[in-house]
PDB file of all heavy atoms in Angstrom:
ATOM      1  N   GLY A   1      50.916   2.971  19.893  1.00  0.00           N
ATOM      2  CA  GLY A   1      52.167   2.535  19.852  1.00  0.00           C
ATOM      3  C   GLY A   1      52.489   1.543  18.648  1.00  0.00           C
ATOM      4  O   GLY A   1      53.385   1.634  17.952  1.00  0.00           O
ATOM      5  N   HIS A   2      51.468   0.765  18.467  1.00  0.00           N
ATOM      6  CA  HIS A   2      51.527  -0.341  17.393  1.00  0.00           C
ATOM      7  C   HIS A   2      51.449   0.451  15.955  1.00  0.00           C
ATOM      8  O   HIS A   2      52.307   0.207  15.051  1.00  0.00           O
ATOM      9  CB  HIS A   2      50.339  -1.328  17.387  1.00  0.00           C
ATOM     10  CG  HIS A   2      50.674  -2.385  18.419  1.00  0.00           C
ATOM     11  ND1 HIS A   2      50.459  -2.375  19.761  1.00  0.00           N
ATOM     12  CD2 HIS A   2      51.153  -3.641  18.270  1.00  0.00           C
ATOM     13  CE1 HIS A   2      50.867  -3.500  20.252  1.00  0.00           C
ATOM     14  NE2 HIS A   2      51.328  -4.280  19.298  1.00  0.00           N
ATOM     15  N   ALA A   3      50.503   1.329  15.859  1.00  0.00           N
ATOM     16  CA  ALA A   3      50.474   2.100  14.695  1.00  0.00           C
ATOM     17  C   ALA A   3      51.715   2.967  14.384  1.00  0.00           C
ATOM     18  O   ALA A   3      52.135   3.178  13.275  1.00  0.00           O
ATOM     19  CB  ALA A   3      49.122   3.075  14.696  1.00  0.00           C
ATOM     20  N   PHE A   4      52.241   3.601  15.501  1.00  0.00           N
ATOM     21  CA  PHE A   4      53.477   4.492  15.385  1.00  0.00           C
ATOM     22  C   PHE A   4      54.571   3.573  14.963  1.00  0.00           C
ATOM     23  O   PHE A   4      55.309   3.963  14.139  1.00  0.00           O
ATOM     24  CB  PHE A   4      53.698   5.089  16.623  1.00  0.00           C
ATOM     25  CG  PHE A   4      54.888   6.205  16.686  1.00  0.00           C
ATOM     26  CD1 PHE A   4      54.987   6.985  15.634  1.00  0.00           C
ATOM     27  CD2 PHE A   4      55.786   6.191  17.640  1.00  0.00           C
ATOM     28  CE1 PHE A   4      55.936   7.902  15.470  1.00  0.00           C
ATOM     29  CE2 PHE A   4      56.731   7.202  17.658  1.00  0.00           C
ATOM     30  CZ  PHE A   4      56.912   7.931  16.656  1.00  0.00           C
ATOM     31  N   PHE A   5      54.730   2.371  15.573  1.00  0.00           N
ATOM     32  CA  PHE A   5      55.905   1.481  15.075  1.00  0.00           C
ATOM     33  C   PHE A   5      55.723   1.211  13.613  1.00  0.00           C
ATOM     34  O   PHE A   5      56.766   1.012  12.862  1.00  0.00           O
ATOM     35  CB  PHE A   5      55.875   0.216  15.977  1.00  0.00           C
ATOM     36  CG  PHE A   5      57.109  -0.601  15.630  1.00  0.00           C
ATOM     37  CD1 PHE A   5      58.418  -0.243  15.783  1.00  0.00           C
ATOM     38  CD2 PHE A   5      56.844  -1.802  14.744  1.00  0.00           C
ATOM     39  CE1 PHE A   5      59.448  -0.990  15.381  1.00  0.00           C
ATOM     40  CE2 PHE A   5      57.994  -2.535  14.423  1.00  0.00           C
ATOM     41  CZ  PHE A   5      59.200  -2.092  14.625  1.00  0.00           C
ATOM     42  N   ALA A   6      54.583   0.968  13.051  1.00  0.00           N
ATOM     43  CA  ALA A   6      54.464   0.689  11.720  1.00  0.00           C
ATOM     44  C   ALA A   6      54.977   1.757  10.864  1.00  0.00           C
ATOM     45  O   ALA A   6      55.697   1.602   9.960  1.00  0.00           O
ATOM     46  CB  ALA A   6      52.871   0.467  11.406  1.00  0.00           C
ATOM     47  N   GLY A   7      54.807   2.923  11.309  1.00  0.00           N
ATOM     48  CA  GLY A   7      55.359   4.064  10.536  1.00  0.00           C
ATOM     49  C   GLY A   7      56.885   4.213  10.754  1.00  0.00           C
ATOM     50  O   GLY A   7      57.577   4.422   9.826  1.00  0.00           O
ATOM     51  N   ILE A   8      57.378   3.809  11.997  1.00  0.00           N
ATOM     52  CA  ILE A   8      58.916   3.689  12.111  1.00  0.00           C
ATOM     53  C   ILE A   8      59.450   2.637  11.193  1.00  0.00           C
ATOM     54  O   ILE A   8      60.388   2.872  10.527  1.00  0.00           O
ATOM     55  CB  ILE A   8      59.268   3.411  13.625  1.00  0.00           C
ATOM     56  CG1 ILE A   8      58.759   4.612  14.486  1.00  0.00           C
ATOM     57  CG2 ILE A   8      60.693   3.014  13.722  1.00  0.00           C
ATOM     58  CD1 ILE A   8      58.836   4.393  15.926  1.00  0.00           C
ATOM     59  N   ARG A   9      58.745   1.567  11.028  1.00  0.00           N
ATOM     60  CA  ARG A   9      59.159   0.462  10.271  1.00  0.00           C
ATOM     61  C   ARG A   9      59.212   0.887   8.732  1.00  0.00           C
ATOM     62  O   ARG A   9      60.190   0.703   8.078  1.00  0.00           O
ATOM     63  CB  ARG A   9      58.245  -0.793  10.549  1.00  0.00           C
ATOM     64  CG  ARG A   9      58.796  -2.021   9.630  1.00  0.00           C
ATOM     65  CD  ARG A   9      57.737  -3.177   9.610  1.00  0.00           C
ATOM     66  NE  ARG A   9      56.404  -2.629   9.130  1.00  0.00           N
ATOM     67  CZ  ARG A   9      55.292  -2.856   9.733  1.00  0.00           C
ATOM     68  NH1 ARG A   9      55.107  -3.386  11.014  1.00  0.00           N
ATOM     69  NH2 ARG A   9      54.151  -2.292   9.138  1.00  0.00           N
ATOM     70  N   ASP A  10      58.109   1.566   8.388  1.00  0.00           N
ATOM     71  CA  ASP A  10      58.133   1.980   7.078  1.00  0.00           C
ATOM     72  C   ASP A  10      59.203   2.983   6.747  1.00  0.00           C
ATOM     73  O   ASP A  10      59.836   3.146   5.611  1.00  0.00           O
ATOM     74  CB  ASP A  10      56.787   2.704   6.672  1.00  0.00           C
ATOM     75  CG  ASP A  10      55.672   1.618   6.669  1.00  0.00           C
ATOM     76  OD1 ASP A  10      55.885   0.426   6.536  1.00  0.00           O
ATOM     77  OD2 ASP A  10      54.434   2.108   6.693  1.00  0.00           O
ATOM     78  N   PHE A  11      59.456   3.915   7.615  1.00  0.00           N
ATOM     79  CA  PHE A  11      60.532   4.937   7.552  1.00  0.00           C
ATOM     80  C   PHE A  11      61.904   4.205   7.437  1.00  0.00           C
ATOM     81  O   PHE A  11      62.676   4.588   6.580  1.00  0.00           O
ATOM     82  CB  PHE A  11      60.550   5.815   8.750  1.00  0.00           C
ATOM     83  CG  PHE A  11      61.686   6.866   8.703  1.00  0.00           C
ATOM     84  CD1 PHE A  11      61.471   8.065   7.980  1.00  0.00           C
ATOM     85  CD2 PHE A  11      62.735   6.769   9.431  1.00  0.00           C
ATOM     86  CE1 PHE A  11      62.482   9.044   7.943  1.00  0.00           C
ATOM     87  CE2 PHE A  11      63.801   7.710   9.440  1.00  0.00           C
ATOM     88  CZ  PHE A  11      63.572   8.843   8.710  1.00  0.00           C
ATOM     89  N   ALA A  12      62.080   3.216   8.189  1.00  0.00           N
ATOM     90  CA  ALA A  12      63.446   2.532   8.031  1.00  0.00           C
ATOM     91  C   ALA A  12      63.628   1.732   6.646  1.00  0.00           C
ATOM     92  O   ALA A  12      64.604   1.891   6.136  1.00  0.00           O
ATOM     93  CB  ALA A  12      63.522   1.376   9.210  1.00  0.00           C
ATOM     94  N   LYS A  13      62.461   1.196   6.194  1.00  0.00           N
ATOM     95  CA  LYS A  13      62.386   0.501   4.928  1.00  0.00           C
ATOM     96  C   LYS A  13      62.737   1.495   3.854  1.00  0.00           C
ATOM     97  O   LYS A  13      63.565   1.373   2.956  1.00  0.00           O
ATOM     98  CB  LYS A  13      61.113  -0.009   4.687  1.00  0.00           C
ATOM     99  CG  LYS A  13      60.995  -1.473   5.259  1.00  0.00           C
ATOM    100  CD  LYS A  13      59.571  -1.976   4.808  1.00  0.00           C
ATOM    101  CE  LYS A  13      59.217  -3.241   5.535  1.00  0.00           C
ATOM    102  NZ  LYS A  13      57.837  -3.713   5.110  1.00  0.00           N
ATOM    103  N   GLN A  14      62.143   2.717   3.986  1.00  0.00           N
ATOM    104  CA  GLN A  14      62.398   3.769   2.903  1.00  0.00           C
ATOM    105  C   GLN A  14      63.774   4.282   2.932  1.00  0.00           C
ATOM    106  O   GLN A  14      64.361   4.793   1.853  1.00  0.00           O
ATOM    107  CB  GLN A  14      61.460   4.947   3.242  1.00  0.00           C
ATOM    108  CG  GLN A  14      60.003   4.806   2.951  1.00  0.00           C
ATOM    109  CD  GLN A  14      59.043   5.865   3.513  1.00  0.00           C
ATOM    110  OE1 GLN A  14      59.511   6.805   4.038  1.00  0.00           O
ATOM    111  NE2 GLN A  14      57.758   5.663   3.318  1.00  0.00           N
ATOM    112  N   ARG A  15      64.475   4.210   4.189  1.00  0.00           N
ATOM    113  CA  ARG A  15      65.963   4.675   4.215  1.00  0.00           C
ATOM    114  C   ARG A  15      66.862   3.461   3.760  1.00  0.00           C
ATOM    115  O   ARG A  15      68.050   3.586   3.909  1.00  0.00           O
ATOM    116  CB  ARG A  15      66.153   5.105   5.606  1.00  0.00           C
ATOM    117  CG  ARG A  15      65.195   6.155   6.167  1.00  0.00           C
ATOM    118  CD  ARG A  15      65.541   7.589   5.660  1.00  0.00           C
ATOM    119  NE  ARG A  15      66.938   8.047   5.946  1.00  0.00           N
ATOM    120  CZ  ARG A  15      67.453   9.125   5.517  1.00  0.00           C
ATOM    121  NH1 ARG A  15      66.734  10.016   4.943  1.00  0.00           N
ATOM    122  NH2 ARG A  15      68.636   9.400   5.908  1.00  0.00           N
ATOM    123  N   GLY A  16      66.251   2.341   3.398  1.00  0.00           N
ATOM    124  CA  GLY A  16      67.022   1.216   2.957  1.00  0.00           C
ATOM    125  C   GLY A  16      67.575   0.293   4.183  1.00  0.00           C
ATOM    126  O   GLY A  16      68.483  -0.383   3.928  1.00  0.00           O
ATOM    127  N   PHE A  17      66.928   0.276   5.180  1.00  0.00           N
ATOM    128  CA  PHE A  17      67.304  -0.524   6.329  1.00  0.00           C
ATOM    129  C   PHE A  17      66.388  -1.789   6.471  1.00  0.00           C
ATOM    130  O   PHE A  17      65.125  -1.753   6.113  1.00  0.00           O
ATOM    131  CB  PHE A  17      67.100   0.081   7.646  1.00  0.00           C
ATOM    132  CG  PHE A  17      68.191   1.203   7.834  1.00  0.00           C
ATOM    133  CD1 PHE A  17      68.029   2.480   7.483  1.00  0.00           C
ATOM    134  CD2 PHE A  17      69.461   0.875   8.354  1.00  0.00           C
ATOM    135  CE1 PHE A  17      68.953   3.410   7.518  1.00  0.00           C
ATOM    136  CE2 PHE A  17      70.424   1.855   8.533  1.00  0.00           C
ATOM    137  CZ  PHE A  17      70.248   3.146   8.069  1.00  0.00           C
ATOM    138  N   ASP A  18      66.884  -2.921   6.690  1.00  0.00           N
ATOM    139  CA  ASP A  18      66.116  -4.149   6.840  1.00  0.00           C
ATOM    140  C   ASP A  18      66.065  -4.693   8.308  1.00  0.00           C
ATOM    141  O   ASP A  18      65.631  -5.804   8.553  1.00  0.00           O
ATOM    142  CB  ASP A  18      66.548  -5.255   5.871  1.00  0.00           C
ATOM    143  CG  ASP A  18      67.927  -5.700   6.061  1.00  0.00           C
ATOM    144  OD1 ASP A  18      68.664  -5.301   6.967  1.00  0.00           O
ATOM    145  OD2 ASP A  18      68.491  -6.391   5.239  1.00  0.00           O
ATOM    146  N   ARG A  19      66.580  -3.850   9.138  1.00  0.00           N
ATOM    147  CA  ARG A  19      66.622  -4.309  10.637  1.00  0.00           C
ATOM    148  C   ARG A  19      66.555  -3.148  11.451  1.00  0.00           C
ATOM    149  O   ARG A  19      67.077  -2.068  11.223  1.00  0.00           O
ATOM    150  CB  ARG A  19      68.132  -4.961  10.814  1.00  0.00           C
ATOM    151  CG  ARG A  19      68.273  -5.506  12.296  1.00  0.00           C
ATOM    152  CD  ARG A  19      69.548  -6.147  12.294  1.00  0.00           C
ATOM    153  NE  ARG A  19      69.780  -6.742  13.628  1.00  0.00           N
ATOM    154  CZ  ARG A  19      69.376  -8.009  13.901  1.00  0.00           C
ATOM    155  NH1 ARG A  19      68.868  -8.649  13.046  1.00  0.00           N
ATOM    156  NH2 ARG A  19      69.502  -8.452  15.279  1.00  0.00           N
ATOM    157  N   ILE A  20      65.743  -3.248  12.523  1.00  0.00           N
ATOM    158  CA  ILE A  20      65.629  -2.239  13.584  1.00  0.00           C
ATOM    159  C   ILE A  20      65.930  -2.797  14.975  1.00  0.00           C
ATOM    160  O   ILE A  20      65.615  -4.008  15.265  1.00  0.00           O
ATOM    161  CB  ILE A  20      64.114  -1.677  13.764  1.00  0.00           C
ATOM    162  CG1 ILE A  20      63.655  -1.114  12.330  1.00  0.00           C
ATOM    163  CG2 ILE A  20      63.937  -0.814  14.886  1.00  0.00           C
ATOM    164  CD1 ILE A  20      62.188  -0.682  12.301  1.00  0.00           C
ATOM    165  N   GLU A  21      66.858  -2.055  15.757  1.00  0.00           N
ATOM    166  CA  GLU A  21      67.139  -2.681  17.001  1.00  0.00           C
ATOM    167  C   GLU A  21      66.840  -1.501  18.036  1.00  0.00           C
ATOM    168  O   GLU A  21      66.780  -0.305  17.741  1.00  0.00           O
ATOM    169  CB  GLU A  21      68.656  -2.872  17.086  1.00  0.00           C
ATOM    170  CG  GLU A  21      69.121  -3.977  16.159  1.00  0.00           C
ATOM    171  CD  GLU A  21      70.567  -4.414  16.415  1.00  0.00           C
ATOM    172  OE1 GLU A  21      71.275  -3.950  17.294  1.00  0.00           O
ATOM    173  OE2 GLU A  21      70.993  -5.154  15.503  1.00  0.00           O
ATOM    174  N   LEU A  22      66.786  -1.944  19.364  1.00  0.00           N
ATOM    175  CA  LEU A  22      66.642  -1.057  20.406  1.00  0.00           C
ATOM    176  C   LEU A  22      67.133  -1.812  21.587  1.00  0.00           C
ATOM    177  O   LEU A  22      67.235  -2.937  21.710  1.00  0.00           O
ATOM    178  CB  LEU A  22      65.161  -0.706  20.591  1.00  0.00           C
ATOM    179  CG  LEU A  22      63.976  -1.684  20.867  1.00  0.00           C
ATOM    180  CD1 LEU A  22      64.013  -2.171  22.199  1.00  0.00           C
ATOM    181  CD2 LEU A  22      62.729  -1.170  20.454  1.00  0.00           C
ATOM    182  N   ASN A  23      67.302  -0.951  22.734  1.00  0.00           N
ATOM    183  CA  ASN A  23      67.663  -1.550  23.948  1.00  0.00           C
ATOM    184  C   ASN A  23      66.583  -0.927  24.969  1.00  0.00           C
ATOM    185  O   ASN A  23      66.005   0.120  24.807  1.00  0.00           O
ATOM    186  CB  ASN A  23      69.007  -1.295  24.485  1.00  0.00           C
ATOM    187  CG  ASN A  23      69.306   0.072  24.767  1.00  0.00           C
ATOM    188  OD1 ASN A  23      68.967   0.605  25.761  1.00  0.00           O
ATOM    189  ND2 ASN A  23      70.105   0.790  23.979  1.00  0.00           N
ATOM    190  N   MET A  24      66.338  -1.718  26.010  1.00  0.00           N
ATOM    191  CA  MET A  24      65.387  -1.313  27.009  1.00  0.00           C
ATOM    192  C   MET A  24      65.742  -1.678  28.357  1.00  0.00           C
ATOM    193  O   MET A  24      66.759  -2.581  28.490  1.00  0.00           O
ATOM    194  CB  MET A  24      64.024  -1.864  26.676  1.00  0.00           C
ATOM    195  CG  MET A  24      64.040  -3.323  26.662  1.00  0.00           C
ATOM    196  SD  MET A  24      62.478  -4.136  27.024  1.00  0.00           S
ATOM    197  CE  MET A  24      62.078  -3.585  28.670  1.00  0.00           C
ATOM    198  N   TRP A  25      65.197  -1.063  29.362  1.00  0.00           N
ATOM    199  CA  TRP A  25      65.583  -1.422  30.778  1.00  0.00           C
ATOM    200  C   TRP A  25      64.611  -2.542  31.275  1.00  0.00           C
ATOM    201  O   TRP A  25      63.383  -2.563  31.119  1.00  0.00           O
ATOM    202  CB  TRP A  25      65.394  -0.213  31.622  1.00  0.00           C
ATOM    203  CG  TRP A  25      66.545   0.667  31.305  1.00  0.00           C
ATOM    204  CD1 TRP A  25      66.463   1.741  30.361  1.00  0.00           C
ATOM    205  CD2 TRP A  25      67.793   0.779  31.713  1.00  0.00           C
ATOM    206  NE1 TRP A  25      67.737   2.472  30.350  1.00  0.00           N
ATOM    207  CE2 TRP A  25      68.494   1.849  31.224  1.00  0.00           C
ATOM    208  CE3 TRP A  25      68.403   0.029  32.804  1.00  0.00           C
ATOM    209  CZ2 TRP A  25      69.950   2.125  31.423  1.00  0.00           C
ATOM    210  CZ3 TRP A  25      69.819   0.440  33.035  1.00  0.00           C
ATOM    211  CH2 TRP A  25      70.479   1.443  32.411  1.00  0.00           C
ATOM    212  N   GLU A  26      65.229  -3.530  31.889  1.00  0.00           N
ATOM    213  CA  GLU A  26      64.513  -4.792  32.267  1.00  0.00           C
ATOM    214  C   GLU A  26      63.333  -4.414  33.243  1.00  0.00           C
ATOM    215  O   GLU A  26      62.299  -5.298  33.194  1.00  0.00           O
ATOM    216  CB  GLU A  26      65.488  -5.664  33.022  1.00  0.00           C
ATOM    217  CG  GLU A  26      65.127  -7.081  33.100  1.00  0.00           C
ATOM    218  CD  GLU A  26      65.070  -7.851  31.761  1.00  0.00           C
ATOM    219  OE1 GLU A  26      65.701  -7.419  30.800  1.00  0.00           O
ATOM    220  OE2 GLU A  26      64.322  -8.957  31.741  1.00  0.00           O
ATOM    221  N   PHE A  27      63.359  -3.244  34.145  1.00  0.00           N
ATOM    222  CA  PHE A  27      62.205  -3.079  34.933  1.00  0.00           C
ATOM    223  C   PHE A  27      60.983  -2.658  34.195  1.00  0.00           C
ATOM    224  O   PHE A  27      59.909  -2.765  34.739  1.00  0.00           O
ATOM    225  CB  PHE A  27      62.633  -1.905  35.913  1.00  0.00           C
ATOM    226  CG  PHE A  27      62.740  -0.570  35.213  1.00  0.00           C
ATOM    227  CD1 PHE A  27      61.679   0.171  34.774  1.00  0.00           C
ATOM    228  CD2 PHE A  27      64.077  -0.142  34.935  1.00  0.00           C
ATOM    229  CE1 PHE A  27      61.910   1.515  34.199  1.00  0.00           C
ATOM    230  CE2 PHE A  27      64.261   1.108  34.322  1.00  0.00           C
ATOM    231  CZ  PHE A  27      63.173   1.814  33.982  1.00  0.00           C
ATOM    232  N   ASN A  28      61.039  -2.266  32.992  1.00  0.00           N
ATOM    233  CA  ASN A  28      60.002  -1.812  32.245  1.00  0.00           C
ATOM    234  C   ASN A  28      59.203  -2.808  31.553  1.00  0.00           C
ATOM    235  O   ASN A  28      59.303  -3.024  30.352  1.00  0.00           O
ATOM    236  CB  ASN A  28      60.315  -0.701  31.180  1.00  0.00           C
ATOM    237  CG  ASN A  28      59.423   0.267  30.621  1.00  0.00           C
ATOM    238  OD1 ASN A  28      58.188  -0.105  30.836  1.00  0.00           O
ATOM    239  ND2 ASN A  28      59.696   1.310  30.075  1.00  0.00           N
TER     240      ASN A  28
END
């Protein structure tokens, strides 16, 4: 998950984004 998120972060940067957001369920 950590390695995958690094790839997601790099993808977002390549697309010109400087922010990533998500929502999650409190039970998790």
